[in-house]
């Protein structure tokens, strides 16, 4: 992440925390007052993004990691949403088998023999 992106991110978070509408001008003002030089397009990009997205949703989803591959569930013909939900539930409940610890008795010798 570049210094410009980081500065605009912090500026947007400051504005959101204070309950001030996030605009490109306000982001630019905060960044300039922090004496950080950013490319002129960063504040407007951040402002356009945050017009369409909720900042709190972005904050809460930041720690969730990247998205995995989507699993395709094929519903039978004429099936509704309930059928596809029922098909996906057993896949989510798969149990992982835990590896068993091997003891010295199983190997036929001990570390101290």
C-alpha atoms as a PDB file:
ATOM      1  CA  UNK A   1       0.000   0.000   0.000  1.00  0.00           C
ATOM      2  CA  UNK A   2       1.411   3.374  -0.953  1.00  0.00           C
ATOM      3  CA  UNK A   3       1.648   6.350   1.393  1.00  0.00           C
ATOM      4  CA  UNK A   4      -1.135   8.075  -0.559  1.00  0.00           C
ATOM      5  CA  UNK A   5      -3.515   5.153  -0.123  1.00  0.00           C
ATOM      6  CA  UNK A   6      -2.708   4.874   3.562  1.00  0.00           C
ATOM      7  CA  UNK A   7      -3.152   8.610   4.162  1.00  0.00           C
ATOM      8  CA  UNK A   8      -6.527   8.598   2.391  1.00  0.00           C
ATOM      9  CA  UNK A   9      -7.595   5.526   4.346  1.00  0.00           C
ATOM     10  CA  UNK A  10      -6.793   7.188   7.654  1.00  0.00           C
ATOM     11  CA  UNK A  11      -8.462  10.418   6.554  1.00  0.00           C
ATOM     12  CA  UNK A  12     -11.630   8.530   5.595  1.00  0.00           C
ATOM     13  CA  UNK A  13     -11.631   6.712   8.938  1.00  0.00           C
ATOM     14  CA  UNK A  14     -11.200  10.008  10.805  1.00  0.00           C
ATOM     15  CA  UNK A  15     -14.105  11.562   8.923  1.00  0.00           C
ATOM     16  CA  UNK A  16     -16.291   8.516   9.524  1.00  0.00           C
ATOM     17  CA  UNK A  17     -15.412   8.424  13.223  1.00  0.00           C
ATOM     18  CA  UNK A  18     -16.393  12.078  13.619  1.00  0.00           C
ATOM     19  CA  UNK A  19     -19.656  11.547  11.709  1.00  0.00           C
ATOM     20  CA  UNK A  20     -18.617  13.900   8.894  1.00  0.00           C
ATOM     21  CA  UNK A  21     -19.665  13.032   5.323  1.00  0.00           C
ATOM     22  CA  UNK A  22     -16.702  11.646   3.397  1.00  0.00           C
ATOM     23  CA  UNK A  23     -15.902  13.758   0.337  1.00  0.00           C
ATOM     24  CA  UNK A  24     -12.809  14.151  -1.808  1.00  0.00           C
ATOM     25  CA  UNK A  25     -12.323  17.720  -0.613  1.00  0.00           C
ATOM     26  CA  UNK A  26     -12.423  16.740   3.052  1.00  0.00           C
ATOM     27  CA  UNK A  27     -10.032  13.836   2.503  1.00  0.00           C
ATOM     28  CA  UNK A  28      -7.658  16.189   0.659  1.00  0.00           C
ATOM     29  CA  UNK A  29      -7.871  18.743   3.454  1.00  0.00           C
ATOM     30  CA  UNK A  30      -6.984  16.167   6.106  1.00  0.00           C
ATOM     31  CA  UNK A  31      -4.137  14.740   4.050  1.00  0.00           C
ATOM     32  CA  UNK A  32      -2.691  18.199   3.376  1.00  0.00           C
ATOM     33  CA  UNK A  33      -2.947  19.149   7.038  1.00  0.00           C
ATOM     34  CA  UNK A  34      -0.942  16.008   7.847  1.00  0.00           C
ATOM     35  CA  UNK A  35       1.682  17.227   5.345  1.00  0.00           C
ATOM     36  CA  UNK A  36       1.466  14.082   3.233  1.00  0.00           C
ATOM     37  CA  UNK A  37       1.822  14.370  -0.534  1.00  0.00           C
ATOM     38  CA  UNK A  38      -0.626  12.169  -2.412  1.00  0.00           C
ATOM     39  CA  UNK A  39      -1.508  11.816  -6.046  1.00  0.00           C
ATOM     40  CA  UNK A  40      -4.552  13.926  -6.900  1.00  0.00           C
ATOM     41  CA  UNK A  41      -6.730  10.945  -7.842  1.00  0.00           C
ATOM     42  CA  UNK A  42      -6.601   9.114  -4.495  1.00  0.00           C
ATOM     43  CA  UNK A  43      -9.027  11.315  -2.517  1.00  0.00           C
ATOM     44  CA  UNK A  44     -11.637  11.212  -5.272  1.00  0.00           C
ATOM     45  CA  UNK A  45     -11.319   7.423  -5.628  1.00  0.00           C
ATOM     46  CA  UNK A  46     -11.786   6.912  -1.917  1.00  0.00           C
ATOM     47  CA  UNK A  47     -14.737   9.309  -1.818  1.00  0.00           C
ATOM     48  CA  UNK A  48     -16.446   7.538  -4.748  1.00  0.00           C
ATOM     49  CA  UNK A  49     -15.884   4.142  -3.133  1.00  0.00           C
ATOM     50  CA  UNK A  50     -17.247   5.226   0.213  1.00  0.00           C
ATOM     51  CA  UNK A  51     -20.346   6.790  -1.376  1.00  0.00           C
ATOM     52  CA  UNK A  52     -21.407   3.313  -2.456  1.00  0.00           C
ATOM     53  CA  UNK A  53     -20.103   1.223   0.442  1.00  0.00           C
ATOM     54  CA  UNK A  54     -20.723   1.407   4.164  1.00  0.00           C
ATOM     55  CA  UNK A  55     -17.506   2.133   6.073  1.00  0.00           C
ATOM     56  CA  UNK A  56     -18.537  -0.041   9.008  1.00  0.00           C
ATOM     57  CA  UNK A  57     -19.073  -3.013   6.683  1.00  0.00           C
ATOM     58  CA  UNK A  58     -15.612  -2.501   5.226  1.00  0.00           C
ATOM     59  CA  UNK A  59     -14.066  -2.345   8.685  1.00  0.00           C
ATOM     60  CA  UNK A  60     -15.842  -5.475   9.874  1.00  0.00           C
ATOM     61  CA  UNK A  61     -14.907  -7.454   6.773  1.00  0.00           C
ATOM     62  CA  UNK A  62     -11.246  -6.438   6.857  1.00  0.00           C
ATOM     63  CA  UNK A  63     -10.230  -9.252   9.172  1.00  0.00           C
ATOM     64  CA  UNK A  64     -12.186 -11.927   7.375  1.00  0.00           C
ATOM     65  CA  UNK A  65      -9.430 -12.687   4.873  1.00  0.00           C
ATOM     66  CA  UNK A  66      -9.727 -13.345   1.191  1.00  0.00           C
ATOM     67  CA  UNK A  67     -12.620 -15.136  -0.364  1.00  0.00           C
ATOM     68  CA  UNK A  68     -12.239 -18.785  -1.181  1.00  0.00           C
ATOM     69  CA  UNK A  69     -13.348 -20.538  -4.297  1.00  0.00           C
ATOM     70  CA  UNK A  70     -17.094 -20.677  -4.720  1.00  0.00           C
ATOM     71  CA  UNK A  71     -18.646 -24.105  -4.396  1.00  0.00           C
ATOM     72  CA  UNK A  72     -21.136 -24.889  -7.123  1.00  0.00           C
ATOM     73  CA  UNK A  73     -24.251 -26.593  -5.819  1.00  0.00           C
ATOM     74  CA  UNK A  74     -26.529 -27.869  -8.524  1.00  0.00           C
ATOM     75  CA  UNK A  75     -30.181 -27.912  -7.539  1.00  0.00           C
ATOM     76  CA  UNK A  76     -32.496 -30.462  -9.101  1.00  0.00           C
ATOM     77  CA  UNK A  77     -34.892 -29.258 -11.765  1.00  0.00           C
ATOM     78  CA  UNK A  78     -37.803 -27.413 -10.233  1.00  0.00           C
ATOM     79  CA  UNK A  79     -35.983 -27.085  -6.914  1.00  0.00           C
ATOM     80  CA  UNK A  80     -36.234 -23.890  -4.952  1.00  0.00           C
ATOM     81  CA  UNK A  81     -33.921 -22.062  -2.582  1.00  0.00           C
ATOM     82  CA  UNK A  82     -34.822 -24.466   0.231  1.00  0.00           C
ATOM     83  CA  UNK A  83     -33.481 -27.417  -1.764  1.00  0.00           C
ATOM     84  CA  UNK A  84     -30.141 -25.770  -2.502  1.00  0.00           C
ATOM     85  CA  UNK A  85     -29.803 -24.657   1.140  1.00  0.00           C
ATOM     86  CA  UNK A  86     -30.449 -28.196   2.338  1.00  0.00           C
ATOM     87  CA  UNK A  87     -27.824 -29.541  -0.059  1.00  0.00           C
ATOM     88  CA  UNK A  88     -25.209 -27.080   1.165  1.00  0.00           C
ATOM     89  CA  UNK A  89     -25.784 -27.763   4.882  1.00  0.00           C
ATOM     90  CA  UNK A  90     -24.249 -31.278   5.018  1.00  0.00           C
ATOM     91  CA  UNK A  91     -21.122 -30.071   3.219  1.00  0.00           C
ATOM     92  CA  UNK A  92     -20.562 -27.414   5.868  1.00  0.00           C
ATOM     93  CA  UNK A  93     -20.887 -29.967   8.670  1.00  0.00           C
ATOM     94  CA  UNK A  94     -18.025 -32.178   7.502  1.00  0.00           C
ATOM     95  CA  UNK A  95     -15.812 -33.191  10.368  1.00  0.00           C
ATOM     96  CA  UNK A  96     -12.069 -33.124  10.027  1.00  0.00           C
ATOM     97  CA  UNK A  97     -10.301 -36.217  11.250  1.00  0.00           C
ATOM     98  CA  UNK A  98      -7.693 -35.387  13.857  1.00  0.00           C
ATOM     99  CA  UNK A  99      -4.331 -37.117  13.510  1.00  0.00           C
ATOM    100  CA  UNK A 100      -3.628 -39.589  16.289  1.00  0.00           C
ATOM    101  CA  UNK A 101      -0.497 -39.179  18.353  1.00  0.00           C
ATOM    102  CA  UNK A 102       1.846 -42.094  18.148  1.00  0.00           C
ATOM    103  CA  UNK A 103       3.383 -43.265  21.363  1.00  0.00           C
ATOM    104  CA  UNK A 104       6.742 -44.950  21.846  1.00  0.00           C
ATOM    105  CA  UNK A 105       4.972 -48.259  22.528  1.00  0.00           C
ATOM    106  CA  UNK A 106       3.580 -48.299  19.003  1.00  0.00           C
ATOM    107  CA  UNK A 107       7.061 -48.042  17.471  1.00  0.00           C
ATOM    108  CA  UNK A 108       8.577 -50.831  19.512  1.00  0.00           C
ATOM    109  CA  UNK A 109      11.296 -48.699  21.082  1.00  0.00           C
ATOM    110  CA  UNK A 110      11.671 -45.810  23.468  1.00  0.00           C
ATOM    111  CA  UNK A 111      13.839 -42.736  23.368  1.00  0.00           C
ATOM    112  CA  UNK A 112      15.634 -43.814  26.515  1.00  0.00           C
ATOM    113  CA  UNK A 113      16.255 -47.532  25.648  1.00  0.00           C
END
